[in-house]
Protein backbone atom coordinates (compact mmCIF):
# COMPACT_ATOMS: atom_id res chain seq x y z
CA UNK A 1 32.10 -54.13 18.38
CA UNK A 2 32.33 -55.17 14.84
CA UNK A 3 28.44 -55.75 14.67
CA UNK A 4 27.64 -52.15 15.82
CA UNK A 5 27.85 -50.73 12.21
CA UNK A 6 25.68 -53.50 11.11
CA UNK A 7 22.87 -52.46 13.56
CA UNK A 8 23.41 -49.00 12.68
CA UNK A 9 22.74 -49.59 9.06
CA UNK A 10 19.62 -51.70 9.81
CA UNK A 11 18.22 -48.68 11.97
CA UNK A 12 19.04 -46.33 9.13
CA UNK A 13 17.08 -48.44 6.75
CA UNK A 14 14.13 -48.29 9.25
CA UNK A 15 13.99 -44.56 8.84
CA UNK A 16 13.02 -44.77 5.13
CA UNK A 17 9.34 -45.79 5.74
CA UNK A 18 9.30 -43.20 8.63
CA UNK A 19 10.30 -40.51 6.10
CA UNK A 20 7.94 -41.69 3.46
CA UNK A 21 5.03 -41.31 5.93
CA UNK A 22 6.27 -37.97 7.10
CA UNK A 23 6.21 -36.86 3.42
CA UNK A 24 2.80 -38.33 2.83
CA UNK A 25 1.39 -36.41 5.71
CA UNK A 26 3.31 -33.03 4.79
CA UNK A 27 2.20 -33.49 1.13
CA UNK A 28 -1.40 -33.57 2.32
CA UNK A 29 -1.11 -30.22 3.95
CA UNK A 30 -2.61 -27.33 2.15
CA UNK A 31 -0.73 -24.23 1.88
CA UNK A 32 -2.90 -21.12 1.77
CA UNK A 33 -2.93 -19.52 -1.70
CA UNK A 34 -1.70 -22.84 -3.47
CA UNK A 35 -3.88 -25.89 -2.71
CA UNK A 36 -7.09 -23.95 -2.93
CA UNK A 37 -6.02 -21.71 -6.11
CA UNK A 38 -8.50 -23.97 -8.06
CA UNK A 39 -11.53 -22.80 -5.93
CA UNK A 40 -13.55 -19.86 -6.66
CA UNK A 41 -15.58 -19.88 -3.56
CA UNK A 42 -18.84 -21.48 -2.02
CA UNK A 43 -22.24 -20.98 -3.20
CA UNK A 44 -24.45 -20.26 -0.16
CA UNK A 45 -26.68 -17.69 1.84
CA UNK A 46 -24.82 -15.01 3.82
CA UNK A 47 -26.35 -13.29 6.95
CA UNK A 48 -26.02 -9.68 7.54
CA UNK A 49 -27.06 -7.21 10.24
CA UNK A 50 -27.49 -3.38 9.89
CA UNK A 51 -26.53 -0.53 12.30
CA UNK A 52 -29.17 1.54 10.31
CA UNK A 53 -26.71 2.83 7.69
CA UNK A 54 -24.59 -0.17 6.41
CA UNK A 55 -24.47 -3.92 6.20
CA UNK A 56 -22.15 -5.88 8.50
CA UNK A 57 -21.55 -9.58 8.10
CA UNK A 58 -22.86 -11.13 11.18
CA UNK A 59 -20.67 -12.59 13.99
CA UNK A 60 -23.34 -15.28 14.83
CA UNK A 61 -25.72 -17.11 12.91
CA UNK A 62 -29.47 -16.39 12.46
CA UNK A 63 -30.39 -19.16 15.03
CA UNK A 64 -28.44 -17.64 17.68
CA UNK A 65 -28.89 -13.92 16.89
CA UNK A 66 -31.61 -12.22 18.98
CA UNK A 67 -32.20 -8.86 17.39
CA UNK A 68 -34.08 -5.91 19.22
CA UNK A 69 -37.20 -4.15 17.86
CA UNK A 70 -36.15 -2.06 15.15
CA UNK A 71 -33.37 -4.25 13.77
CA UNK A 72 -32.79 -4.98 10.08
CA UNK A 73 -31.49 -8.41 9.06
CA UNK A 74 -30.26 -9.13 5.53
CA UNK A 75 -29.69 -12.54 3.65
CA UNK A 76 -27.71 -12.61 0.40
CA UNK A 77 -27.22 -15.67 -1.90
CA UNK A 78 -23.86 -15.47 -3.83
CA UNK A 79 -20.72 -17.25 -4.61
CA UNK A 80 -18.29 -16.06 -2.05
CA UNK A 81 -14.81 -17.27 -0.89
CA UNK A 82 -15.27 -16.07 2.70
CA UNK A 83 -16.74 -13.26 5.01
CA UNK A 84 -14.30 -10.72 3.60
CA UNK A 85 -15.32 -11.64 0.04
CA UNK A 86 -19.06 -12.03 0.57
CA UNK A 87 -21.49 -10.08 -1.31
CA UNK A 88 -23.89 -7.68 0.72
CA UNK A 89 -27.63 -7.42 0.06
CA UNK A 90 -28.16 -4.94 -2.59
CA UNK A 91 -30.79 -3.08 -0.81
CA UNK A 92 -30.14 -0.26 1.51
CA UNK A 93 -30.90 -1.34 5.09
CA UNK A 94 -33.85 0.81 5.97
CA UNK A 95 -36.17 -0.30 8.86
CA UNK A 96 -38.59 2.63 8.29
CA UNK A 97 -39.10 1.77 4.87
CA UNK A 98 -39.75 -1.97 5.41
CA UNK A 99 -41.63 -1.83 8.84
CA UNK A 100 -42.84 2.00 9.00
CA UNK A 101 -46.44 0.92 8.61
CA UNK A 102 -46.30 -2.16 11.14
CA UNK A 103 -47.11 -0.60 14.58
CA UNK A 104 -45.42 -1.81 17.76
CA UNK A 105 -47.07 -4.28 19.83
CA UNK A 106 -46.41 -5.25 23.42
CA UNK A 107 -44.66 -8.59 24.12
CA UNK A 108 -43.45 -8.48 20.34
CA UNK A 109 -40.79 -6.91 18.20
CA UNK A 110 -40.51 -5.85 14.56
CA UNK A 111 -37.60 -7.04 12.47
CA UNK A 112 -37.00 -5.76 8.85
CA UNK A 113 -35.99 -8.76 6.74
CA UNK A 114 -34.18 -8.11 3.51
CA UNK A 115 -33.75 -11.31 1.20
CA UNK A 116 -31.51 -10.74 -1.78
CA UNK A 117 -31.42 -13.97 -3.95
CA UNK A 118 -28.36 -12.63 -6.00
CA UNK A 119 -27.64 -12.56 -9.80
CA UNK A 120 -27.93 -15.09 -12.38
CA UNK A 121 -24.26 -15.49 -12.56
CA UNK A 122 -24.42 -16.94 -8.96
CA UNK A 123 -27.50 -18.98 -9.56
CA UNK A 124 -27.07 -22.94 -9.86
CA UNK A 125 -27.48 -24.39 -13.35
CA UNK A 126 -31.13 -24.63 -14.51
CA UNK A 127 -32.30 -21.95 -11.98
CA UNK A 128 -33.14 -18.31 -12.07
CA UNK A 129 -33.25 -16.16 -8.87
CA UNK A 130 -36.58 -14.96 -7.65
CA UNK A 131 -37.45 -11.36 -7.08
CA UNK A 132 -35.70 -9.71 -3.96
CA UNK A 133 -38.22 -9.26 -1.01
CA UNK A 134 -38.22 -6.94 1.98
CA UNK A 135 -40.71 -7.80 4.81
CA UNK A 136 -41.46 -6.80 8.30
CA UNK A 137 -41.50 -9.55 10.64
CA UNK A 138 -43.41 -9.10 13.88
CA UNK A 139 -42.21 -11.88 16.13
CA UNK A 140 -42.14 -12.66 19.96
CA UNK A 141 -39.79 -10.55 21.95
CA UNK A 142 -37.21 -13.38 22.37
CA UNK A 143 -37.52 -14.49 18.93
CA UNK A 144 -34.19 -15.16 16.80
CA UNK A 145 -33.28 -13.97 13.28
CA UNK A 146 -34.05 -17.28 12.11
CA UNK A 147 -37.56 -16.89 13.63
CA UNK A 148 -38.18 -13.80 11.91
CA UNK A 149 -37.00 -15.18 8.63
CA UNK A 150 -39.23 -17.95 8.85
CA UNK A 151 -42.10 -15.59 9.44
CA UNK A 152 -41.78 -13.69 6.13
CA UNK A 153 -39.77 -16.07 3.72
CA UNK A 154 -40.99 -19.76 3.74
CA UNK A 155 -40.04 -22.30 2.58
CA UNK A 156 -36.83 -22.52 4.03
CA UNK A 157 -34.58 -25.62 3.74
CA UNK A 158 -31.82 -26.66 6.04
CA UNK A 159 -29.28 -29.72 5.42
CA UNK A 160 -28.57 -32.36 8.02
CA UNK A 161 -26.06 -30.15 9.59
CA UNK A 162 -28.45 -27.38 10.10
CA UNK A 163 -26.94 -24.97 7.35
CA UNK A 164 -29.50 -22.67 5.83
CA UNK A 165 -29.66 -24.12 2.01
CA UNK A 166 -32.69 -22.14 0.72
CA UNK A 167 -35.03 -19.26 1.36
CA UNK A 168 -38.36 -19.12 -0.41
CA UNK A 169 -37.44 -22.49 -1.89
CA UNK A 170 -34.46 -21.04 -3.70
CA UNK A 171 -32.32 -22.85 -4.83
CA UNK A 172 -34.16 -26.02 -5.22
CA UNK A 173 -31.20 -28.04 -4.53
CA UNK A 174 -27.53 -27.86 -3.44
CA UNK A 175 -26.37 -26.40 -0.31
CA UNK A 176 -22.99 -24.53 0.29
CA UNK A 177 -21.31 -26.44 -2.35
CA UNK A 178 -17.61 -25.44 -3.53
CA UNK A 179 -17.48 -23.78 -6.99
CA UNK A 180 -14.31 -24.24 -9.08
CA UNK A 181 -12.96 -21.55 -11.38
CA UNK A 182 -14.55 -23.37 -14.20
CA UNK A 183 -17.93 -23.24 -12.67
CA UNK A 184 -18.24 -27.00 -11.54
CA UNK A 185 -19.58 -27.76 -8.08
CA UNK A 186 -18.03 -29.91 -5.70
CA UNK A 187 -19.77 -31.81 -3.13
CA UNK A 188 -20.92 -29.57 -0.13
CA UNK A 189 -18.70 -29.53 2.89
CA UNK A 190 -20.38 -29.78 6.51
CA UNK A 191 -21.45 -26.48 7.56
CA UNK A 192 -22.86 -24.74 10.58
CA UNK A 193 -26.05 -22.80 10.91
CA UNK A 194 -24.39 -20.86 13.66
CA UNK A 195 -22.08 -19.04 11.12
CA UNK A 196 -24.21 -18.99 7.95
CA UNK A 197 -21.34 -20.58 6.33
CA UNK A 198 -18.49 -23.05 6.87
CA UNK A 199 -17.72 -24.00 10.54
CA UNK A 200 -14.00 -23.49 11.80
CA UNK A 201 -13.30 -27.28 11.77
CA UNK A 202 -14.73 -27.57 8.33
CA UNK A 203 -12.83 -24.67 7.01
CA UNK A 204 -9.68 -26.42 8.17
CA UNK A 205 -10.66 -29.61 6.36
CA UNK A 206 -11.80 -28.14 3.17
CA UNK A 207 -8.54 -26.17 2.40
CA UNK A 208 -8.09 -22.85 4.48
CA UNK A 209 -5.45 -24.26 6.87
CA UNK A 210 -4.39 -27.84 7.57
CA UNK A 211 -6.56 -29.80 10.13
CA UNK A 212 -5.29 -30.50 13.59
CA UNK A 213 -5.53 -34.18 12.93
CA UNK A 214 -3.09 -33.98 9.93
CA UNK A 215 -0.78 -31.60 11.83
CA UNK A 216 -0.70 -34.11 14.71
CA UNK A 217 0.02 -36.96 12.70
CA UNK A 218 2.96 -35.14 10.87
CA UNK A 219 4.46 -34.24 14.22
CA UNK A 220 4.16 -37.69 15.73
CA UNK A 221 6.09 -39.17 12.51
CA UNK A 222 8.56 -36.32 12.68
CA UNK A 223 9.06 -37.04 16.46
CA UNK A 224 9.59 -40.73 15.63
CA UNK A 225 12.10 -40.16 12.88
CA UNK A 226 14.10 -37.78 14.92
CA UNK A 227 14.24 -40.36 17.88
CA UNK A 228 15.57 -42.94 15.34
CA UNK A 229 18.17 -40.81 14.03
CA UNK A 230 19.17 -39.88 17.51
CA UNK A 231 19.63 -43.49 18.49
CA UNK A 232 21.48 -44.30 15.32
CA UNK A 233 23.89 -41.68 16.07
CA UNK A 234 24.28 -42.69 19.78
CA UNK A 235 25.23 -46.19 18.79
CA UNK A 236 27.58 -45.13 15.99
CA UNK A 237 29.27 -43.15 18.64
């Protein structure tokens, strides 16, 4: 029985590295509004749809959206924190103004495509936004918004993760990079063409919320530490 306290002290000392690892995990977690306070947003092309009167941030990306004849699609280049903060195309969505002179055709559809390259304040260093464009794309009946964009605004550039990086060749480089308050660009995160911006998994990794991997690791360490404490108290009793 005299050796029991010694064994308890040894197990208590074993808790030190466990607690240290737990702190390392929890310290890596990003608390919304604190860990990302230095970031102003991401520089990227956002994708918009219109109900005929106003712009609405698209709920799916241009590669998935299949607009009907008479639809209006918009693309805006800007620095935005998220969809709630994203800048809309500055041109009023008006199908008649863009496609009024393009007759309907059997087996095809007409999509008004509005491209707004944004302002010089949002442009990458050394680049100047080209002139906005509004063109009528007549495409196959089953074409996507990406097909309509490609019909009127080449060249397009995508990255290896299929994020839309450039329209009409603008910008010449970069793709969805993070911009700090000081104007410096950070390496671009992986992004999804389906959303026209950050994918949900990447949003977790880049700072919006802690990733599932980090949370799972912290939970595992916490479980081990709790079990060790319970065993120590049991042996002490």
